Amino acid sequence: MFYAYVLISKQDGKFYIGHAEDLQERLRQHNAGKVESTRRRTPFTLAYAKPFQTRSEARWQERRWKTAWGHQQGGFKFLAQ
């Protein structure tokens, strides 16, 4: 199983969007400062994860969420609840 996920930085409140096969391990890597793009914004909490059967589906969802079109189509409405 693969996942597209959204993290929220407890430090600055900003989102990080990614994809991973082992979601818990990837969250540990983010919080341990082992991911270059997030190391200065730790710690993170998992805000949302969507499962997929293939890596390509998870990557597609990640890219969709990162686009302006994805934001306009309600990409983050699930966080406003």
Protein backbone atom coordinates (compact mmCIF):
# COMPACT_ATOMS: atom_id res chain seq x y z
CA MET A 1 0.00 0.00 0.00
CA PHE A 2 1.19 3.51 -0.83
CA TYR A 3 0.02 6.80 0.64
CA ALA A 4 -0.27 10.43 -0.35
CA TYR A 5 -0.08 12.43 2.87
CA VAL A 6 -0.31 15.89 4.37
CA LEU A 7 1.74 16.92 7.38
CA ILE A 8 1.35 20.06 9.46
CA SER A 9 4.36 21.65 11.09
CA LYS A 10 3.81 22.36 14.79
CA GLN A 11 6.48 25.04 14.48
CA ASP A 12 4.98 27.22 11.75
CA GLY A 13 1.57 25.69 10.98
CA LYS A 14 2.41 25.14 7.30
CA PHE A 15 1.62 22.04 5.25
CA TYR A 16 3.99 19.53 3.72
CA ILE A 17 2.65 17.17 1.04
CA GLY A 18 4.35 13.93 0.07
CA HIS A 19 3.95 10.24 -0.71
CA ALA A 20 5.41 7.11 0.86
CA GLU A 21 5.05 3.38 1.12
CA ASP A 22 5.78 3.16 4.87
CA LEU A 23 3.90 6.13 6.24
CA GLN A 24 4.96 5.78 9.88
CA GLU A 25 8.64 5.46 8.95
CA ARG A 26 8.40 8.49 6.68
CA LEU A 27 6.84 10.55 9.49
CA ARG A 28 9.70 9.44 11.79
CA GLN A 29 12.20 10.58 9.15
CA HIS A 30 10.53 13.99 8.88
CA ASN A 31 10.50 14.45 12.66
CA ALA A 32 14.10 13.27 13.03
CA GLY A 33 15.27 15.98 10.62
CA LYS A 34 16.38 13.49 7.98
CA VAL A 35 14.33 15.08 5.19
CA GLU A 36 16.09 18.12 3.75
CA SER A 37 12.93 20.01 2.79
CA THR A 38 11.38 19.77 6.26
CA ARG A 39 14.27 19.60 8.72
CA ARG A 40 13.94 23.23 9.86
CA ARG A 41 10.21 22.96 10.48
CA THR A 42 9.96 19.97 12.85
CA PRO A 43 8.00 18.55 14.57
CA PHE A 44 5.17 17.45 12.29
CA THR A 45 1.83 15.79 12.82
CA LEU A 46 0.03 13.72 10.23
CA ALA A 47 -3.05 15.66 9.13
CA TYR A 48 -4.31 13.33 6.42
CA ALA A 49 -3.29 10.23 4.48
CA LYS A 50 -5.00 8.65 1.49
CA PRO A 51 -4.14 5.03 0.57
CA PHE A 52 -3.45 3.82 -2.97
CA GLN A 53 -2.61 0.48 -4.54
CA THR A 54 0.32 1.80 -6.58
CA ARG A 55 3.11 4.33 -6.14
CA SER A 56 2.10 6.10 -9.35
CA GLU A 57 -1.42 6.73 -8.00
CA ALA A 58 0.00 8.15 -4.75
CA ARG A 59 2.42 10.37 -6.69
CA TRP A 60 -0.41 11.59 -8.91
CA GLN A 61 -2.45 12.57 -5.84
CA GLU A 62 0.57 14.32 -4.31
CA ARG A 63 1.10 16.36 -7.47
CA ARG A 64 -2.60 17.21 -7.66
CA TRP A 65 -2.63 18.51 -4.08
CA LYS A 66 0.44 20.64 -4.80
CA THR A 67 -1.15 22.46 -7.72
CA ALA A 68 -3.34 25.55 -7.60
CA TRP A 69 -6.00 23.50 -9.41
CA GLY A 70 -5.91 20.91 -6.63
CA HIS A 71 -6.36 23.59 -3.99
CA GLN A 72 -9.31 25.06 -5.90
CA GLN A 73 -10.92 21.64 -6.27
CA GLY A 74 -11.06 21.21 -2.50
CA GLY A 75 -7.74 19.53 -1.93
CA PHE A 76 -7.62 20.73 1.68
CA LYS A 77 -11.30 20.98 2.63
CA PHE A 78 -10.85 17.88 4.78
CA LEU A 79 -8.58 19.90 7.12
CA ALA A 80 -11.13 22.64 7.72
CA GLN A 81 -13.59 20.35 9.48
